[in-house]
Each structure stands twice: as structure tokens, then as C-alpha cells.
Amino acid sequence: MSPEHDDFAIALTYYAPYVSGLTNMARDIAEGLAARGRRVTVVTSRFDGSLPRTEEINGVRVLRAPVLARLGRGVISPHLVRLSRSTIAKATVGALQLPMLEAGAIAAGLRTPLVCTYHCDVTLPPGAINTAQRLIVDASNRLAMRRSAAVAVTSEDYARHSRMWPAIEPSMVVVAPPCPPPPPGLPSYRETDGLHVGFLGRIVREKGLAFLVRGFRALPDPDARLLIGGDFTHVAGGSVIDDVRAAIGDDPRVRLLGFVPEDRIGDFYASLDVFTLPSINAFEAFGIVQAVAMLAGVPVISSDIPGVRQPVARTGFGTVVPPADSPAITRAIQALAADPPDRVAGAARAHEAFSVSSVLDGYEVLLDKAAHQRRTAR
């Protein structure tokens, strides 16, 4: 892959091996486009000092900028701006994955057409410093979106409820995130014949795990199990594992699995009767992990908040509950256990809605349109 010219250059704060919905979506798009013959470079932070400055991952060239300091969920990396600008300047089309503190500085004055993907609003705990940080990030993202040929969002439902809607609306394009199905697996995480409920994701406040635990603990079945998978040692912004452990208390039916490796993801989903995404605010705009669960044939309980409710709304494969409502989670689990939906039909509907190929088709249309605008502007 030539470092002199890319078809597509993507800038974002975190990239693989960091795991989040945003980074996974960026990775799947980058690798999917590379597999289709596009030359793709990703510019990101070197959030872990042991990572190489430059490497190629599944056909994608990855450049990592050194980090000077960390600020909440983000990083401070002046070199990330310089490296992103120089890389995007040599590409046919650039892309920014938002929210991103440096987005405005990267976008300012660039002649390369940009396609921004806006994932979610920044949500931080109350406090003067956090409020200032949020205002700065929002202003930076608005500048980048104003300079973009298109702003991609995962759902109009979320975008309309975002505080960034005025900046999103003029050039909004809805493209669902690519959701690759998990590999087939064995139910090796199952311990009993009882109902197995699962969660997979980062162990952070906005996921609402304490409410899930309390909702599960209200189930009387001693053979039921709650499997919570996700990293709680390397989490931007800090984990809430202590709060989750406090909610678990002395209930022996709850399992904290920690990080679930890629080669066991199929086993995890194969072990579940119900998957849950009990988010408590609009920090995330879709929740890719619930669509992946559906693709594995597992019905979903998700929170009734903008964007997150869309996979269930589009497929009917599960149910939504009010956020931060443990009794509602209990009732939803019991209802799905008493009358489980058709898993094969639910997986088929999820595939139709969220297949990787259809999403990549949509992104290629965006890139080609932006590239055409650049040629005609010359």
C-alpha cells in the first residue's frame, strides 16, 4: 500500500486493539473497504505505548500519534492533528469519526473532501471542567461537520434527539453500522438448564449495568445465570466495576467474565437465551453489539432511548424497556422466557437490516460522491 496516496484516510481518537462500538465500526468499514480494493489509512492515537507507531492490519495502514496526556475519555495529542491533516491532504477523501476533540483543527482549511460519521453526543458527569470539555468538543465537531460533504449517522432517530442536530441536518446521510455476524460457537458458557441472560460491552456508567443486575436478581430461578462480558481494566474514562460488584452482592448466579476474546465470541452468544443492552442515557447512538446478538439468533432487551431502540424497532426481535428501570428489565426477561421469539426468523430480519455488504455499499456511495464533488470543483 503506497503511503503517498490513499483512496480513504480516516482519523479517530481510538482504534484497534481498543474496543468500543465506535472503534469497531471504524475498523469494520476500513477493513471492508480495503478488502474491496480501496487504499485505506487510519490515523489514531498511540493510546498504549507498547503499540507500534506504524503497522498494517488486515490491509489497512495504521499510523499512531504519541499521546502527551489523557483528559477524561479523550487524549491530548498535538501530533495527532498534524499527522491526520498531512495524511488526509494526500487522500482522495478524508473521514473523521466524531465525537473527537481535534476534529475542528483537523478539518480547518483542508482541501480534501471530508465525510464525518457522528456517533453520539459527549456525555460527562457534572462539573465545571467536564462542562468546559464538552463545550469545546461540541464546537470542534460542529466546525468539522460544517466543512464536510456529508455527515453520516447510524439512525435519524438518534440524530434528531442530538444536541448537534442543527449541524447534522444540512448534510445528513443515514447509514447503519456494519454488523458482522459472530462465528458459530458452542454453548460453553452455559452452566445450567436455566435461563441465561447476557451483556457484552465496556463496563462503564452509561451502560446501566447496576440496573440490569438488580433486574436479574429479582428473578426467583436459582438456575438462571447473568453473564457479563467486557473489559474493566483498560477503559477510557474509567470503569464502574466496583458499582457493579456492589449491585451483585452475594448473588452466586452472576458471572463477571472480563474481556471475552474474539475466538470465544461465538461461544458467548451461543450460550444465551436473552441479550441485554440496558443503557441509561444517549451516550451511544445504536449499540452494535445488540445487532450482533440478533444475527446470532438471540433476542434483545434494550433501553427505550433514541438510536439504541432502533435495532429492536427495525426487526421486532426483542423488546425495549424504559432506561434505569430494574423492575421493567425483570418483567421483560420473564416475558421473553415465557414466550421466546422465533430465533431463526429474528436472525434473518437482522441480516437484512444490518449486513456488512449493504453498509459498505452505502459508504462507497458517500466516498465516490465526495470524490466527484472534488473533481468537479477543480
Protein backbone atom coordinates (compact mmCIF):
# COMPACT_ATOMS: atom_id res chain seq x y z
CA MET A 1 0.00 0.00 0.00
CA SER A 2 1.53 3.28 -1.09
CA PRO A 3 1.90 5.88 1.67
CA GLU A 4 1.76 8.65 -0.95
CA HIS A 5 -1.91 8.41 -1.89
CA ASP A 6 -4.95 6.80 -0.29
CA ASP A 7 -8.46 6.45 -1.55
CA PHE A 8 -9.69 6.93 2.02
CA ALA A 9 -7.97 8.30 5.14
CA ILE A 10 -9.74 8.01 8.48
CA ALA A 11 -8.87 9.93 11.65
CA LEU A 12 -10.19 8.98 15.07
CA THR A 13 -9.07 9.03 18.69
CA TYR A 14 -9.03 5.27 19.37
CA TYR A 15 -8.58 2.35 17.00
CA ALA A 16 -7.93 -1.38 17.33
CA PRO A 17 -6.93 -3.03 19.57
CA TYR A 18 -9.09 -0.65 21.64
CA VAL A 19 -12.65 -1.99 21.76
CA SER A 20 -15.79 0.15 21.63
CA GLY A 21 -18.76 0.49 19.32
CA LEU A 22 -17.18 3.49 17.59
CA THR A 23 -13.78 1.85 17.06
CA ASN A 24 -15.34 -1.43 15.92
CA MET A 25 -17.47 0.39 13.36
CA ALA A 26 -14.47 2.33 12.04
CA ARG A 27 -12.41 -0.89 11.88
CA ASP A 28 -15.10 -2.82 10.00
CA ILE A 29 -15.54 -0.02 7.47
CA ALA A 30 -11.79 0.42 6.97
CA GLU A 31 -11.10 -3.30 6.60
CA GLY A 32 -14.20 -3.85 4.48
CA LEU A 33 -13.23 -1.10 2.03
CA ALA A 34 -9.64 -2.37 1.93
CA ALA A 35 -10.93 -5.84 1.07
CA ARG A 36 -12.80 -4.24 -1.84
CA GLY A 37 -9.55 -2.86 -3.22
CA ARG A 38 -9.59 0.64 -1.69
CA ARG A 39 -6.34 2.02 -0.29
CA VAL A 40 -7.15 2.93 3.31
CA THR A 41 -5.09 4.57 6.05
CA VAL A 42 -6.21 5.11 9.65
CA VAL A 43 -4.63 7.82 11.81
CA THR A 44 -5.19 7.43 15.54
CA SER A 45 -3.62 7.93 18.94
CA ARG A 46 -0.96 5.65 20.36
CA PHE A 47 -3.07 5.23 23.50
CA ASP A 48 -0.93 2.27 24.58
CA GLY A 49 2.81 2.93 24.45
CA SER A 50 3.53 -0.68 23.57
CA LEU A 51 1.73 -0.37 20.23
CA PRO A 52 3.84 0.24 17.09
CA ARG A 53 3.83 3.70 15.53
CA THR A 54 3.06 2.19 12.12
CA GLU A 55 1.62 -1.17 11.13
CA GLU A 56 -0.72 -2.82 8.66
CA ILE A 57 -3.80 -4.60 10.00
CA ASN A 58 -5.90 -6.64 7.57
CA GLY A 59 -4.94 -4.48 4.62
CA VAL A 60 -5.31 -1.15 6.47
CA ARG A 61 -2.27 1.04 7.14
CA VAL A 62 -2.45 2.33 10.75
CA LEU A 63 -0.48 5.38 11.90
CA ARG A 64 -0.40 6.17 15.62
CA ALA A 65 0.43 9.56 17.09
CA PRO A 66 2.09 9.84 20.54
CA VAL A 67 -0.08 10.90 23.49
CA LEU A 68 1.03 13.66 25.85
CA ALA A 69 -1.77 13.30 28.41
CA ARG A 70 -5.26 11.95 28.95
CA LEU A 71 -8.36 14.06 29.51
CA GLY A 72 -11.44 12.12 30.60
CA ARG A 73 -12.30 9.71 27.80
CA GLY A 74 -10.03 11.52 25.36
CA VAL A 75 -6.34 12.14 24.88
CA ILE A 76 -4.17 15.20 24.29
CA SER A 77 -2.03 14.64 21.20
CA PRO A 78 -0.95 17.66 19.14
CA HIS A 79 0.85 15.32 16.74
CA LEU A 80 -2.46 13.58 16.02
CA VAL A 81 -3.70 16.79 14.38
CA ARG A 82 -0.57 17.22 12.26
CA LEU A 83 -0.44 13.58 11.22
CA SER A 84 -4.16 13.49 10.39
CA ARG A 85 -4.00 16.66 8.30
CA SER A 86 -0.95 15.56 6.33
CA THR A 87 -2.40 12.10 5.69
CA ILE A 88 -5.87 13.30 4.70
CA ALA A 89 -4.35 16.01 2.46
CA LYS A 90 -2.85 13.25 0.29
CA ALA A 91 -6.04 11.16 0.15
CA THR A 92 -8.94 11.30 -2.29
CA VAL A 93 -11.44 11.53 0.58
CA GLY A 94 -10.94 12.00 4.32
CA ALA A 95 -13.14 10.84 7.15
CA LEU A 96 -13.49 11.84 10.78
CA GLN A 97 -15.13 9.67 13.42
CA LEU A 98 -16.91 12.00 15.84
CA PRO A 99 -17.01 12.99 18.65
CA MET A 100 -13.36 13.95 18.51
CA LEU A 101 -11.65 16.80 20.35
CA GLU A 102 -9.28 17.50 17.44
CA ALA A 103 -11.90 17.34 14.67
CA GLY A 104 -12.18 21.08 14.05
CA ALA A 105 -8.41 21.59 13.97
CA ILE A 106 -8.02 18.70 11.53
CA ALA A 107 -10.80 19.92 9.23
CA ALA A 108 -9.89 23.62 9.17
CA GLY A 109 -8.61 24.67 5.77
CA LEU A 110 -8.37 21.17 4.29
CA ARG A 111 -9.00 20.95 0.55
CA THR A 112 -9.65 17.20 0.67
CA PRO A 113 -13.39 16.50 0.88
CA LEU A 114 -14.49 15.13 4.25
CA VAL A 115 -17.15 12.64 5.28
CA CYS A 116 -17.85 12.78 9.01
CA THR A 117 -19.53 9.98 10.92
CA TYR A 118 -21.23 11.31 14.03
CA HIS A 119 -21.69 8.52 16.56
CA CYS A 120 -23.01 10.17 19.70
CA ASP A 121 -23.02 13.22 21.93
CA VAL A 122 -20.33 13.54 24.57
CA THR A 123 -21.84 12.85 27.99
CA LEU A 124 -19.80 13.63 31.09
CA PRO A 125 -20.53 13.85 34.82
CA PRO A 126 -21.49 17.29 36.21
CA GLY A 127 -18.70 19.73 36.97
CA ALA A 128 -17.10 22.87 35.62
CA ILE A 129 -14.16 21.09 33.97
CA ASN A 130 -16.35 18.49 32.31
CA THR A 131 -18.78 21.15 31.11
CA ALA A 132 -15.93 23.10 29.53
CA GLN A 133 -14.59 19.95 27.91
CA ARG A 134 -17.99 19.12 26.45
CA LEU A 135 -18.46 22.63 25.04
CA ILE A 136 -15.03 22.54 23.42
CA VAL A 137 -15.59 19.12 21.86
CA ASP A 138 -19.03 20.16 20.58
CA ALA A 139 -17.64 23.33 19.00
CA SER A 140 -14.85 21.35 17.36
CA ASN A 141 -17.30 18.79 15.96
CA ARG A 142 -19.61 21.50 14.62
CA LEU A 143 -16.72 23.05 12.71
CA ALA A 144 -15.78 19.70 11.20
CA MET A 145 -19.38 18.95 10.18
CA ARG A 146 -19.79 22.36 8.56
CA ARG A 147 -16.75 21.58 6.39
CA SER A 148 -17.98 18.09 5.42
CA ALA A 149 -19.54 16.92 2.20
CA ALA A 150 -21.73 14.56 4.24
CA VAL A 151 -22.42 13.70 7.87
CA ALA A 152 -23.25 10.02 8.31
CA VAL A 153 -25.36 8.92 11.29
CA THR A 154 -26.45 5.46 12.33
CA SER A 155 -30.08 6.49 12.76
CA GLU A 156 -32.17 9.58 12.17
CA ASP A 157 -33.90 8.78 15.46
CA TYR A 158 -30.73 9.49 17.39
CA ALA A 159 -29.65 12.41 15.21
CA ARG A 160 -32.90 14.30 15.75
CA HIS A 161 -32.51 14.00 19.50
CA SER A 162 -28.85 15.01 19.48
CA ARG A 163 -27.86 18.47 20.67
CA MET A 164 -25.79 18.59 17.45
CA TRP A 165 -28.86 18.22 15.21
CA PRO A 166 -28.59 21.72 13.65
CA ALA A 167 -25.08 20.87 12.44
CA ILE A 168 -26.02 17.35 11.34
CA GLU A 169 -29.23 18.07 9.45
CA PRO A 170 -27.95 20.02 6.39
CA SER A 171 -25.84 17.12 5.05
CA MET A 172 -27.17 14.10 6.96
CA VAL A 173 -26.98 10.62 5.44
CA VAL A 174 -28.24 7.60 7.40
CA VAL A 175 -26.01 4.52 7.16
CA ALA A 176 -26.38 1.73 9.72
CA PRO A 177 -23.14 0.43 11.21
CA PRO A 178 -21.75 -2.76 9.66
CA CYS A 179 -22.59 -5.69 11.89
CA PRO A 180 -20.64 -8.84 11.07
CA PRO A 181 -22.30 -11.95 12.46
CA PRO A 182 -20.35 -13.76 15.15
CA PRO A 183 -18.80 -17.09 14.22
CA PRO A 184 -20.70 -20.25 15.12
CA GLY A 185 -19.96 -21.35 18.65
CA LEU A 186 -20.64 -23.88 21.34
CA PRO A 187 -22.67 -23.03 24.48
CA SER A 188 -19.58 -23.43 26.64
CA TYR A 189 -20.55 -20.55 28.96
CA ARG A 190 -23.79 -22.27 30.00
CA GLU A 191 -23.76 -23.71 33.48
CA THR A 192 -27.34 -24.95 33.94
CA ASP A 193 -30.56 -25.58 32.03
CA GLY A 194 -31.92 -22.32 33.44
CA LEU A 195 -32.36 -19.03 31.57
CA HIS A 196 -29.05 -17.41 30.59
CA VAL A 197 -29.07 -13.63 30.20
CA GLY A 198 -26.05 -11.80 28.82
CA PHE A 199 -24.34 -8.47 28.34
CA LEU A 200 -21.18 -7.73 26.35
CA GLY A 201 -19.51 -4.33 26.27
CA ARG A 202 -17.48 -1.84 28.24
CA ILE A 203 -18.14 -1.79 31.96
CA VAL A 204 -18.95 1.91 32.18
CA ARG A 205 -21.60 4.04 33.85
CA GLU A 206 -23.72 4.76 30.78
CA LYS A 207 -24.36 1.05 30.13
CA GLY A 208 -26.64 0.88 33.19
CA LEU A 209 -25.29 -2.47 34.40
CA ALA A 210 -26.29 -1.95 38.02
CA PHE A 211 -29.94 -1.72 36.88
CA LEU A 212 -29.53 -4.89 34.85
CA VAL A 213 -28.05 -6.74 37.82
CA ARG A 214 -30.89 -5.64 40.11
CA GLY A 215 -33.45 -6.60 37.49
CA PHE A 216 -31.90 -10.03 37.10
CA ARG A 217 -31.59 -10.60 40.85
CA ALA A 218 -35.37 -10.25 41.16
CA LEU A 219 -35.76 -13.49 39.18
CA PRO A 220 -36.54 -16.37 41.55
CA ASP A 221 -34.98 -19.15 39.45
CA PRO A 222 -31.82 -20.50 41.16
CA ASP A 223 -30.66 -21.98 37.84
CA ALA A 224 -30.80 -18.66 35.97
CA ARG A 225 -27.47 -17.01 35.12
CA LEU A 226 -26.36 -13.49 34.19
CA LEU A 227 -23.17 -13.44 32.11
CA ILE A 228 -21.46 -10.03 31.98
CA GLY A 229 -18.64 -9.88 29.47
CA GLY A 230 -16.40 -6.86 28.95
CA ASP A 231 -13.10 -5.26 29.82
CA PHE A 232 -12.99 -3.37 33.10
CA THR A 233 -9.24 -2.78 33.34
CA HIS A 234 -8.44 -0.64 30.26
CA VAL A 235 -11.45 1.63 29.80
CA ALA A 236 -11.27 5.25 28.66
CA GLY A 237 -12.90 7.41 31.30
CA GLY A 238 -12.75 4.68 33.95
CA SER A 239 -14.70 1.54 34.75
CA VAL A 240 -17.57 1.18 37.24
CA ILE A 241 -16.81 -2.40 38.12
CA ASP A 242 -16.99 -1.62 41.86
CA ASP A 243 -20.57 -0.37 41.47
CA VAL A 244 -21.47 -3.50 39.50
CA ARG A 245 -19.94 -5.76 42.16
CA ALA A 246 -21.88 -3.89 44.85
CA ALA A 247 -25.12 -4.49 42.93
CA ILE A 248 -24.26 -8.19 42.56
CA GLY A 249 -23.72 -8.54 46.30
CA ASP A 250 -23.80 -12.17 47.33
CA ASP A 251 -25.86 -13.48 44.40
CA PRO A 252 -23.95 -16.55 43.14
CA ARG A 253 -25.79 -16.57 39.80
CA VAL A 254 -23.98 -13.57 38.28
CA ARG A 255 -20.71 -14.08 36.41
CA LEU A 256 -18.18 -11.32 35.62
CA LEU A 257 -16.34 -12.79 32.66
CA GLY A 258 -13.95 -9.94 31.93
CA PHE A 259 -12.80 -9.43 28.35
CA VAL A 260 -14.23 -12.05 26.00
CA PRO A 261 -11.64 -12.85 23.31
CA GLU A 262 -12.61 -12.88 19.64
CA ASP A 263 -12.24 -16.65 19.37
CA ARG A 264 -14.89 -17.11 22.08
CA ILE A 265 -17.46 -14.53 20.95
CA GLY A 266 -19.42 -17.22 19.13
CA ASP A 267 -19.44 -19.38 22.26
CA PHE A 268 -20.71 -16.44 24.32
CA TYR A 269 -23.72 -15.75 22.10
CA ALA A 270 -24.43 -19.48 21.69
CA SER A 271 -24.77 -19.68 25.49
CA LEU A 272 -27.51 -17.03 25.76
CA ASP A 273 -31.28 -17.06 25.76
CA VAL A 274 -31.57 -13.26 26.03
CA PHE A 275 -29.12 -10.44 25.37
CA THR A 276 -29.42 -7.06 27.12
CA LEU A 277 -28.28 -3.52 26.43
CA PRO A 278 -29.58 -1.53 29.43
CA SER A 279 -28.09 1.86 28.52
CA ILE A 280 -29.25 4.74 30.71
CA ASN A 281 -28.55 7.77 28.52
CA ALA A 282 -27.98 8.77 24.93
CA PHE A 283 -24.19 8.37 25.04
CA GLU A 284 -24.42 5.71 22.33
CA ALA A 285 -26.49 6.07 19.22
CA PHE A 286 -27.08 2.49 18.12
CA GLY A 287 -25.45 -0.32 20.11
CA ILE A 288 -23.82 -2.56 17.51
CA VAL A 289 -23.45 -5.38 20.00
CA GLN A 290 -27.22 -5.90 20.17
CA ALA A 291 -27.45 -6.23 16.39
CA VAL A 292 -24.66 -8.82 16.53
CA ALA A 293 -26.65 -10.72 19.16
CA MET A 294 -29.67 -10.70 16.85
CA LEU A 295 -27.53 -12.02 14.00
CA ALA A 296 -26.61 -14.89 16.31
CA GLY A 297 -30.30 -15.59 16.86
CA VAL A 298 -30.54 -14.12 20.35
CA PRO A 299 -33.48 -11.79 21.18
CA VAL A 300 -32.60 -8.46 22.78
CA ILE A 301 -33.81 -6.28 25.63
CA SER A 302 -32.65 -2.71 25.05
CA SER A 303 -33.41 0.67 26.52
CA ASP A 304 -36.04 2.93 25.01
CA ILE A 305 -33.68 5.76 24.16
CA PRO A 306 -33.02 7.40 20.79
CA GLY A 307 -30.94 5.24 18.48
CA VAL A 308 -30.48 2.33 20.88
CA ARG A 309 -34.12 1.30 20.40
CA GLN A 310 -33.74 1.15 16.60
CA PRO A 311 -32.45 -2.44 16.15
CA VAL A 312 -35.46 -3.84 18.03
CA ALA A 313 -37.80 -1.40 16.27
CA ARG A 314 -36.49 -2.44 12.83
CA THR A 315 -36.52 -6.19 13.44
CA GLY A 316 -39.11 -6.78 16.17
CA PHE A 317 -36.64 -9.26 17.61
CA GLY A 318 -36.88 -8.40 21.29
CA THR A 319 -38.34 -5.66 23.42
CA VAL A 320 -37.48 -2.21 24.74
CA VAL A 321 -37.76 -1.03 28.34
CA PRO A 322 -37.53 2.39 30.00
CA PRO A 323 -33.94 3.29 30.91
CA ALA A 324 -32.79 2.84 34.52
CA ASP A 325 -35.83 0.71 35.34
CA SER A 326 -34.85 -2.57 37.03
CA PRO A 327 -38.45 -3.86 37.51
CA ALA A 328 -39.10 -3.32 33.78
CA ILE A 329 -35.99 -5.36 32.99
CA THR A 330 -37.26 -8.15 35.26
CA ARG A 331 -40.64 -8.19 33.50
CA ALA A 332 -39.05 -8.15 30.05
CA ILE A 333 -36.77 -11.09 30.87
CA GLN A 334 -39.70 -13.05 32.22
CA ALA A 335 -41.83 -12.27 29.16
CA LEU A 336 -39.13 -13.41 26.71
CA ALA A 337 -38.54 -16.55 28.76
CA ALA A 338 -42.26 -17.39 28.78
CA ASP A 339 -42.80 -16.67 25.07
CA PRO A 340 -39.45 -16.75 23.22
CA PRO A 341 -39.50 -15.36 19.67
CA ASP A 342 -38.50 -17.38 16.61
CA ARG A 343 -34.70 -17.18 16.64
CA VAL A 344 -34.20 -18.16 13.00
CA ALA A 345 -36.69 -15.60 11.71
CA GLY A 346 -35.25 -12.90 14.01
CA ALA A 347 -31.71 -13.55 12.77
CA ALA A 348 -32.90 -13.35 9.16
CA ARG A 349 -34.54 -9.97 9.73
CA ALA A 350 -31.37 -8.68 11.42
CA HIS A 351 -29.25 -9.83 8.49
CA GLU A 352 -31.48 -7.99 6.05
CA ALA A 353 -31.22 -4.78 8.08
CA PHE A 354 -27.56 -4.76 9.16
CA SER A 355 -25.48 -6.83 6.74
CA VAL A 356 -21.89 -5.66 6.23
CA SER A 357 -22.14 -5.67 2.44
CA SER A 358 -25.10 -3.28 2.31
CA VAL A 359 -23.42 -0.89 4.75
CA LEU A 360 -20.18 -0.89 2.76
CA ASP A 361 -22.20 -0.21 -0.39
CA GLY A 362 -23.60 2.88 1.32
CA TYR A 363 -20.18 4.14 2.39
CA GLU A 364 -18.73 3.63 -1.08
CA VAL A 365 -21.54 5.76 -2.48
CA LEU A 366 -20.63 8.51 0.03
CA LEU A 367 -16.94 8.34 -0.82
CA ASP A 368 -17.48 8.35 -4.56
CA LYS A 369 -19.90 11.25 -4.31
CA ALA A 370 -17.43 13.27 -2.24
CA ALA A 371 -14.60 12.45 -4.64
CA HIS A 372 -16.76 13.52 -7.59
CA GLN A 373 -17.51 16.84 -5.87
CA ARG A 374 -13.79 17.45 -5.53
CA ARG A 375 -13.12 16.74 -9.21
CA THR A 376 -15.95 18.98 -10.41
CA ALA A 377 -14.83 21.79 -8.09
CA ARG A 378 -11.39 21.98 -9.73
